[in-house]
Amino acid sequence: QVQLVESGGGLVQAGGSLRLSCASRRAITNYNMGWFRQAPGKEREFVAAINWSGGTTSYADSVKGRFTISRANALNTMYLQMNSLQPEDTAVYYCAADRVPRATLTQESTRFSSWGQGTQVTVSS
């Protein structure tokens, strides 16, 4: 099972940027990876996903054009560049790995396992 650790969260003003990282202690080469977030009092929601080769990405409508997901398989690391942050982006951000190797990319959280502990992103207005 892939073990994941998120980092890069913090406090930023609206319009600012943050770059989240998700590091794995094991190889992630064959696994689609995803970012999800959970705001206080809300359910966890999909943010972005990238397929195992890095050739296909998927984004929630709310972050399209502002967030960019990428991965560096040689470093066993995935990233989420977040620009033009807004207060509604405030949440705990989690990374996760698809439970099925080389699967079709999905936004369904139930397909993902190996969740990290999360990193807090707070955007002030």
Protein backbone atom coordinates (compact mmCIF):
# COMPACT_ATOMS: atom_id res chain seq x y z
CA GLN A 1 0.00 0.00 0.00
CA VAL A 2 1.24 3.45 -0.89
CA GLN A 3 1.92 5.74 2.08
CA LEU A 4 1.46 9.42 1.38
CA VAL A 5 2.48 12.62 3.14
CA GLU A 6 1.12 16.04 2.14
CA SER A 7 2.92 19.34 2.70
CA GLY A 8 2.83 22.94 1.54
CA GLY A 9 -0.37 24.16 3.11
CA GLY A 10 -0.62 27.44 4.96
CA LEU A 11 -2.33 30.79 5.29
CA VAL A 12 -2.55 32.99 2.21
CA GLN A 13 -4.53 36.06 1.20
CA ALA A 14 -7.17 35.89 -1.49
CA GLY A 15 -5.54 35.99 -4.90
CA GLY A 16 -2.40 34.34 -3.62
CA SER A 17 -0.79 31.02 -4.50
CA LEU A 18 0.34 27.85 -2.79
CA ARG A 19 1.98 24.68 -4.02
CA LEU A 20 1.07 21.45 -2.30
CA SER A 21 3.25 18.37 -2.45
CA CYS A 22 2.37 14.74 -1.88
CA ALA A 23 5.31 12.47 -1.24
CA SER A 24 5.17 8.71 -1.26
CA ARG A 25 7.51 6.33 0.50
CA ARG A 26 6.89 3.81 -2.25
CA ALA A 27 6.80 4.02 -6.01
CA ILE A 28 3.66 5.62 -7.42
CA THR A 29 4.58 5.03 -11.05
CA ASN A 30 1.65 2.76 -11.83
CA TYR A 31 -1.05 4.62 -9.91
CA ASN A 32 -3.39 7.43 -10.73
CA MET A 33 -3.17 10.10 -8.05
CA GLY A 34 -5.69 12.60 -6.79
CA TRP A 35 -6.25 15.62 -4.59
CA PHE A 36 -9.40 16.00 -2.50
CA ARG A 37 -10.40 18.59 0.07
CA GLN A 38 -12.74 18.86 3.00
CA ALA A 39 -13.98 22.14 4.43
CA PRO A 40 -15.46 22.39 7.94
CA GLY A 41 -18.98 21.02 8.02
CA LYS A 42 -18.80 19.79 4.43
CA GLU A 43 -18.20 16.48 2.76
CA ARG A 44 -14.89 15.66 1.17
CA GLU A 45 -14.85 16.71 -2.48
CA PHE A 46 -12.76 15.98 -5.53
CA VAL A 47 -10.26 18.63 -6.60
CA ALA A 48 -7.97 17.15 -9.27
CA ALA A 49 -6.52 13.89 -10.51
CA ILE A 50 -3.70 12.79 -12.77
CA ASN A 51 -3.27 9.44 -14.43
CA TRP A 52 -0.34 7.14 -13.77
CA SER A 53 1.70 8.39 -16.75
CA GLY A 54 0.93 12.06 -16.19
CA GLY A 55 -0.65 12.35 -19.61
CA THR A 56 -4.24 12.88 -18.49
CA THR A 57 -5.63 15.21 -15.87
CA SER A 58 -9.08 15.96 -14.48
CA TYR A 59 -10.30 18.94 -12.46
CA ALA A 60 -13.34 19.96 -10.52
CA ASP A 61 -15.15 22.82 -12.23
CA SER A 62 -14.53 25.06 -9.24
CA VAL A 63 -10.75 24.94 -9.70
CA LYS A 64 -10.35 24.69 -13.47
CA GLY A 65 -8.02 27.36 -14.79
CA ARG A 66 -6.65 28.09 -11.32
CA PHE A 67 -5.16 24.80 -10.11
CA THR A 68 -2.64 22.57 -11.89
CA ILE A 69 -1.88 19.01 -10.91
CA SER A 70 1.41 17.39 -11.87
CA ARG A 71 3.63 14.52 -10.86
CA ALA A 72 7.28 13.51 -10.82
CA ASN A 73 7.31 9.73 -10.77
CA ALA A 74 11.08 9.58 -10.43
CA LEU A 75 10.68 11.45 -7.13
CA ASN A 76 7.51 9.57 -6.08
CA THR A 77 5.87 12.96 -5.68
CA MET A 78 2.73 14.70 -6.86
CA TYR A 79 2.00 18.42 -6.79
CA LEU A 80 -0.93 20.81 -6.81
CA GLN A 81 -0.17 24.36 -7.87
CA MET A 82 -2.97 26.59 -6.64
CA ASN A 83 -3.27 30.11 -8.03
CA SER A 84 -5.87 32.83 -7.56
CA LEU A 85 -6.91 31.28 -4.28
CA GLN A 86 -10.24 32.30 -2.84
CA PRO A 87 -11.71 31.99 0.67
CA GLU A 88 -13.93 29.15 -0.56
CA ASP A 89 -10.77 27.13 -1.25
CA THR A 90 -10.15 26.96 2.50
CA ALA A 91 -10.07 23.29 3.49
CA VAL A 92 -7.89 20.41 4.51
CA TYR A 93 -6.35 19.03 1.33
CA TYR A 94 -5.68 15.31 1.02
CA CYS A 95 -3.80 13.34 -1.57
CA ALA A 96 -4.60 9.75 -2.40
CA ALA A 97 -3.61 6.97 -4.74
CA ASP A 98 -5.98 4.90 -6.86
CA ARG A 99 -6.34 1.41 -5.47
CA VAL A 100 -6.13 -0.08 -8.98
CA PRO A 101 -2.83 0.17 -10.89
CA ARG A 102 -2.97 1.76 -14.37
CA ALA A 103 -6.72 2.26 -14.15
CA THR A 104 -8.89 4.68 -16.08
CA LEU A 105 -8.79 8.08 -14.41
CA THR A 106 -11.73 8.76 -12.10
CA GLN A 107 -13.01 11.48 -9.77
CA GLU A 108 -14.69 8.97 -7.45
CA SER A 109 -13.15 9.07 -4.00
CA THR A 110 -14.16 5.47 -3.33
CA ARG A 111 -11.62 4.36 -5.91
CA PHE A 112 -8.82 5.99 -4.00
CA SER A 113 -7.02 4.56 -1.03
CA SER A 114 -3.79 5.29 0.80
CA TRP A 115 -4.95 8.71 1.99
CA GLY A 116 -2.44 11.12 3.49
CA GLN A 117 -2.99 12.95 6.77
CA GLY A 118 -3.96 16.19 5.05
CA THR A 119 -2.56 19.71 4.95
CA GLN A 120 -4.54 22.81 5.94
CA VAL A 121 -5.05 25.57 3.40
CA THR A 122 -6.57 28.78 4.70
CA VAL A 123 -7.39 31.69 2.40
CA SER A 124 -8.22 34.99 4.03
CA SER A 125 -10.38 37.61 2.35
